[in-house]
Structure formats: C-alpha cells, structure tokens
Amino acid sequence: MLAKPLDAAEAAKRIRFFREEAGCLHCGYDPRTWDTIWDHLHDRHFKPSRTFDLVLATTLQAHGVKVFYTRNTADFAPFDLFEVRNPEKP
C-alpha cells in the first residue's frame, strides 16, 4: 500500500514498465483493451479510483458486450463503450 496514491498517469507509467519492460505477465487481460485504458489513465481528469471500472468496461467491450445491465450506471456510462441500463428501471 502506498502512503500517497499515485495519480493516474504515474500509475499507468509504472504499470507499463512492469508489463512491457520488467517481463511480468499481462495479468490475463485482453491486450486489445490496453490502448483504451492508457488513453483514460493519461487524461488528467480521470480519477484513479475509477481504474477497476475502466478495466472491467474495456474487457466487456473486447468480448462483444453491447448492453451492460447494472444498477451502477453512473460509473460505466461515461466511458461510452456500450449502452448501460439499470435493470430496475424500465
């Protein structure tokens, strides 16, 4: 655990080092998702706490998801990777 969390761009830089220079495995994620992830992580307005949702969303998109049903629409709609619907609302 870091005493002071890294901003998204610095975290992306370190992840890229481990993935591409240090020889670590790619964590099992589809490599096609990383271009989209890097774009978001380097956006100065991107909140690092949204990284897990971003990785999930890009993974879903890479696997062909067109509509994602979740009660948590506010966290996924801004990525604009697929349609997001709340199953509890008509």
N, C-alpha and C. Protein backbone atom coordinates (compact mmCIF):
# COMPACT_ATOMS: atom_id res chain seq x y z
N MET A 1 0.84 -1.17 0.00
CA MET A 1 0.00 0.00 0.00
C MET A 1 0.89 1.23 0.00
N LEU A 2 0.54 2.19 -0.82
CA LEU A 2 1.30 3.43 -0.90
C LEU A 2 0.80 4.44 0.13
N ALA A 3 1.71 5.13 0.77
CA ALA A 3 1.31 6.17 1.73
C ALA A 3 0.55 7.27 1.02
N LYS A 4 0.98 7.61 -0.19
CA LYS A 4 0.30 8.61 -1.00
C LYS A 4 0.03 7.98 -2.37
N PRO A 5 -1.22 7.72 -2.72
CA PRO A 5 -1.52 7.09 -4.00
C PRO A 5 -0.98 7.90 -5.18
N LEU A 6 -0.59 7.21 -6.22
CA LEU A 6 -0.09 7.85 -7.43
C LEU A 6 -1.24 8.44 -8.22
N ASP A 7 -0.95 9.49 -9.01
CA ASP A 7 -2.00 9.96 -9.91
C ASP A 7 -2.10 8.94 -11.05
N ALA A 8 -3.15 9.04 -11.85
CA ALA A 8 -3.42 8.03 -12.87
C ALA A 8 -2.29 7.91 -13.88
N ALA A 9 -1.71 9.03 -14.32
CA ALA A 9 -0.64 8.98 -15.32
C ALA A 9 0.60 8.28 -14.77
N GLU A 10 0.99 8.59 -13.52
CA GLU A 10 2.16 7.95 -12.93
C GLU A 10 1.90 6.46 -12.71
N ALA A 11 0.69 6.11 -12.29
CA ALA A 11 0.35 4.70 -12.12
C ALA A 11 0.43 3.97 -13.46
N ALA A 12 -0.07 4.60 -14.52
CA ALA A 12 0.00 3.99 -15.85
C ALA A 12 1.44 3.79 -16.28
N LYS A 13 2.30 4.76 -16.00
CA LYS A 13 3.73 4.65 -16.34
C LYS A 13 4.36 3.45 -15.64
N ARG A 14 4.04 3.27 -14.38
CA ARG A 14 4.60 2.14 -13.64
C ARG A 14 4.04 0.81 -14.11
N ILE A 15 2.76 0.77 -14.41
CA ILE A 15 2.15 -0.46 -14.93
C ILE A 15 2.80 -0.83 -16.26
N ARG A 16 2.96 0.17 -17.12
CA ARG A 16 3.58 -0.08 -18.43
C ARG A 16 4.99 -0.66 -18.24
N PHE A 17 5.75 -0.13 -17.28
CA PHE A 17 7.08 -0.65 -17.01
C PHE A 17 7.00 -2.14 -16.65
N PHE A 18 6.12 -2.49 -15.70
CA PHE A 18 6.04 -3.88 -15.27
C PHE A 18 5.57 -4.79 -16.41
N ARG A 19 4.62 -4.32 -17.21
CA ARG A 19 4.07 -5.14 -18.29
C ARG A 19 5.03 -5.28 -19.46
N GLU A 20 5.72 -4.20 -19.83
CA GLU A 20 6.45 -4.21 -21.08
C GLU A 20 7.97 -4.24 -20.93
N GLU A 21 8.49 -3.85 -19.79
CA GLU A 21 9.93 -3.80 -19.64
C GLU A 21 10.45 -4.80 -18.60
N ALA A 22 9.67 -5.05 -17.56
CA ALA A 22 10.14 -5.92 -16.48
C ALA A 22 9.85 -7.39 -16.73
N GLY A 23 9.08 -7.69 -17.77
CA GLY A 23 8.83 -9.08 -18.11
C GLY A 23 7.68 -9.73 -17.36
N CYS A 24 6.87 -8.95 -16.65
CA CYS A 24 5.71 -9.51 -15.94
C CYS A 24 4.65 -9.93 -16.95
N LEU A 25 3.87 -10.90 -16.59
CA LEU A 25 2.76 -11.33 -17.44
C LEU A 25 1.72 -10.23 -17.54
N HIS A 26 0.83 -10.36 -18.47
CA HIS A 26 -0.16 -9.32 -18.74
C HIS A 26 -1.41 -9.44 -17.89
N CYS A 27 -1.33 -10.06 -16.77
CA CYS A 27 -2.44 -10.12 -15.80
C CYS A 27 -3.70 -10.78 -16.35
N GLY A 28 -3.63 -11.45 -17.48
CA GLY A 28 -4.77 -12.15 -18.01
C GLY A 28 -5.78 -11.29 -18.75
N TYR A 29 -5.54 -9.98 -18.85
CA TYR A 29 -6.48 -9.12 -19.58
C TYR A 29 -6.18 -9.18 -21.07
N ASP A 30 -7.21 -9.01 -21.84
CA ASP A 30 -7.07 -9.00 -23.29
C ASP A 30 -6.19 -7.80 -23.69
N PRO A 31 -5.09 -8.03 -24.38
CA PRO A 31 -4.18 -6.93 -24.74
C PRO A 31 -4.85 -5.83 -25.57
N ARG A 32 -5.94 -6.16 -26.26
CA ARG A 32 -6.63 -5.13 -27.06
C ARG A 32 -7.24 -4.04 -26.20
N THR A 33 -7.45 -4.32 -24.92
CA THR A 33 -8.09 -3.32 -24.05
C THR A 33 -7.14 -2.22 -23.60
N TRP A 34 -5.85 -2.46 -23.68
CA TRP A 34 -4.91 -1.53 -23.06
C TRP A 34 -4.82 -0.17 -23.75
N ASP A 35 -5.00 -0.08 -25.06
CA ASP A 35 -4.97 1.23 -25.70
C ASP A 35 -6.04 2.14 -25.12
N THR A 36 -7.25 1.62 -24.94
CA THR A 36 -8.34 2.41 -24.35
C THR A 36 -8.02 2.76 -22.90
N ILE A 37 -7.49 1.80 -22.16
CA ILE A 37 -7.15 2.05 -20.76
C ILE A 37 -6.10 3.14 -20.65
N TRP A 38 -5.03 3.06 -21.46
CA TRP A 38 -3.97 4.08 -21.40
C TRP A 38 -4.54 5.46 -21.69
N ASP A 39 -5.42 5.55 -22.69
CA ASP A 39 -6.00 6.86 -23.04
C ASP A 39 -6.69 7.49 -21.84
N HIS A 40 -7.47 6.69 -21.12
CA HIS A 40 -8.17 7.21 -19.94
C HIS A 40 -7.20 7.52 -18.80
N LEU A 41 -6.25 6.65 -18.56
CA LEU A 41 -5.32 6.86 -17.44
C LEU A 41 -4.46 8.11 -17.64
N HIS A 42 -4.20 8.47 -18.88
CA HIS A 42 -3.39 9.67 -19.13
C HIS A 42 -4.22 10.95 -19.18
N ASP A 43 -5.53 10.84 -19.08
CA ASP A 43 -6.40 12.02 -19.03
C ASP A 43 -6.31 12.60 -17.62
N ARG A 44 -5.90 13.85 -17.50
CA ARG A 44 -5.69 14.44 -16.17
C ARG A 44 -6.98 14.54 -15.36
N HIS A 45 -8.12 14.40 -16.00
CA HIS A 45 -9.40 14.45 -15.28
C HIS A 45 -9.87 13.08 -14.81
N PHE A 46 -9.17 12.03 -15.23
CA PHE A 46 -9.56 10.67 -14.84
C PHE A 46 -9.22 10.44 -13.37
N LYS A 47 -10.20 9.93 -12.62
CA LYS A 47 -9.98 9.63 -11.20
C LYS A 47 -9.38 8.23 -11.06
N PRO A 48 -8.23 8.11 -10.40
CA PRO A 48 -7.61 6.79 -10.24
C PRO A 48 -8.54 5.75 -9.61
N SER A 49 -9.46 6.18 -8.77
CA SER A 49 -10.39 5.24 -8.13
C SER A 49 -11.33 4.58 -9.15
N ARG A 50 -11.37 5.09 -10.37
CA ARG A 50 -12.23 4.54 -11.42
C ARG A 50 -11.52 3.47 -12.26
N THR A 51 -10.27 3.16 -11.94
CA THR A 51 -9.48 2.25 -12.76
C THR A 51 -10.12 0.87 -12.86
N PHE A 52 -10.59 0.30 -11.76
CA PHE A 52 -11.19 -1.03 -11.82
C PHE A 52 -12.40 -1.03 -12.75
N ASP A 53 -13.28 -0.01 -12.63
CA ASP A 53 -14.45 0.07 -13.51
C ASP A 53 -14.01 0.19 -14.97
N LEU A 54 -12.97 0.96 -15.22
CA LEU A 54 -12.46 1.12 -16.58
C LEU A 54 -11.96 -0.20 -17.15
N VAL A 55 -11.19 -0.95 -16.38
CA VAL A 55 -10.67 -2.24 -16.85
C VAL A 55 -11.82 -3.20 -17.11
N LEU A 56 -12.80 -3.22 -16.22
CA LEU A 56 -13.97 -4.08 -16.42
C LEU A 56 -14.72 -3.68 -17.70
N ALA A 57 -14.95 -2.39 -17.87
CA ALA A 57 -15.69 -1.91 -19.05
C ALA A 57 -14.97 -2.24 -20.35
N THR A 58 -13.67 -2.02 -20.40
CA THR A 58 -12.94 -2.32 -21.64
C THR A 58 -12.87 -3.82 -21.90
N THR A 59 -12.80 -4.62 -20.84
CA THR A 59 -12.81 -6.07 -21.01
C THR A 59 -14.16 -6.53 -21.55
N LEU A 60 -15.25 -5.99 -21.01
CA LEU A 60 -16.58 -6.33 -21.51
C LEU A 60 -16.72 -5.96 -22.98
N GLN A 61 -16.27 -4.77 -23.33
CA GLN A 61 -16.35 -4.33 -24.73
C GLN A 61 -15.54 -5.25 -25.64
N ALA A 62 -14.34 -5.63 -25.21
CA ALA A 62 -13.49 -6.52 -26.02
C ALA A 62 -14.14 -7.87 -26.26
N HIS A 63 -15.03 -8.26 -25.36
CA HIS A 63 -15.73 -9.54 -25.50
C HIS A 63 -17.09 -9.39 -26.16
N GLY A 64 -17.35 -8.22 -26.73
CA GLY A 64 -18.53 -8.03 -27.55
C GLY A 64 -19.78 -7.56 -26.83
N VAL A 65 -19.67 -7.14 -25.59
CA VAL A 65 -20.86 -6.65 -24.87
C VAL A 65 -21.34 -5.36 -25.52
N LYS A 66 -22.62 -5.33 -25.86
CA LYS A 66 -23.24 -4.14 -26.46
C LYS A 66 -24.12 -3.40 -25.47
N VAL A 67 -24.71 -4.16 -24.52
CA VAL A 67 -25.56 -3.58 -23.47
C VAL A 67 -25.12 -4.18 -22.14
N PHE A 68 -24.85 -3.31 -21.18
CA PHE A 68 -24.40 -3.75 -19.85
C PHE A 68 -25.46 -3.34 -18.84
N TYR A 69 -26.01 -4.33 -18.12
CA TYR A 69 -27.04 -4.09 -17.13
C TYR A 69 -26.39 -4.00 -15.75
N THR A 70 -26.57 -2.86 -15.09
CA THR A 70 -26.03 -2.64 -13.76
C THR A 70 -26.83 -1.55 -13.06
N ARG A 71 -26.96 -1.67 -11.75
CA ARG A 71 -27.60 -0.60 -11.00
C ARG A 71 -26.65 0.59 -10.87
N ASN A 72 -25.40 0.35 -11.15
CA ASN A 72 -24.36 1.36 -11.01
C ASN A 72 -24.07 2.03 -12.37
N THR A 73 -25.09 2.56 -13.00
CA THR A 73 -24.93 3.13 -14.34
C THR A 73 -24.00 4.34 -14.36
N ALA A 74 -23.98 5.12 -13.29
CA ALA A 74 -23.18 6.35 -13.25
C ALA A 74 -21.69 6.09 -13.42
N ASP A 75 -21.22 4.92 -13.00
CA ASP A 75 -19.79 4.62 -13.10
C ASP A 75 -19.38 4.09 -14.47
N PHE A 76 -20.32 3.60 -15.26
CA PHE A 76 -19.96 2.99 -16.53
C PHE A 76 -20.38 3.80 -17.75
N ALA A 77 -21.46 4.55 -17.66
CA ALA A 77 -21.93 5.33 -18.80
C ALA A 77 -20.89 6.32 -19.33
N PRO A 78 -20.12 7.01 -18.48
CA PRO A 78 -19.17 7.99 -19.01
C PRO A 78 -18.08 7.41 -19.92
N PHE A 79 -17.80 6.12 -19.83
CA PHE A 79 -16.79 5.53 -20.69
C PHE A 79 -17.27 5.43 -22.14
N ASP A 80 -18.59 5.40 -22.33
CA ASP A 80 -19.19 5.36 -23.66
C ASP A 80 -18.65 4.22 -24.51
N LEU A 81 -18.55 3.05 -23.90
CA LEU A 81 -18.05 1.87 -24.60
C LEU A 81 -19.18 0.94 -25.04
N PHE A 82 -20.34 1.08 -24.42
CA PHE A 82 -21.52 0.28 -24.73
C PHE A 82 -22.70 0.95 -24.06
N GLU A 83 -23.89 0.46 -24.36
CA GLU A 83 -25.09 1.01 -23.72
C GLU A 83 -25.16 0.48 -22.28
N VAL A 84 -25.49 1.35 -21.35
CA VAL A 84 -25.59 0.98 -19.94
C VAL A 84 -27.04 1.17 -19.50
N ARG A 85 -27.62 0.11 -18.91
CA ARG A 85 -29.02 0.15 -18.48
C ARG A 85 -29.13 -0.32 -17.04
N ASN A 86 -30.02 0.30 -16.30
CA ASN A 86 -30.35 -0.14 -14.95
C ASN A 86 -31.50 -1.14 -15.08
N PRO A 87 -31.32 -2.39 -14.66
CA PRO A 87 -32.36 -3.41 -14.82
C PRO A 87 -33.59 -3.14 -13.98
N GLU A 88 -33.48 -2.26 -12.99
CA GLU A 88 -34.61 -1.95 -12.13
C GLU A 88 -35.48 -0.83 -12.66
N LYS A 89 -35.02 -0.18 -13.74
CA LYS A 89 -35.78 0.93 -14.31
C LYS A 89 -36.22 0.53 -15.73
N PRO A 90 -37.49 0.79 -16.04
CA PRO A 90 -37.99 0.43 -17.38
C PRO A 90 -37.37 1.26 -18.49
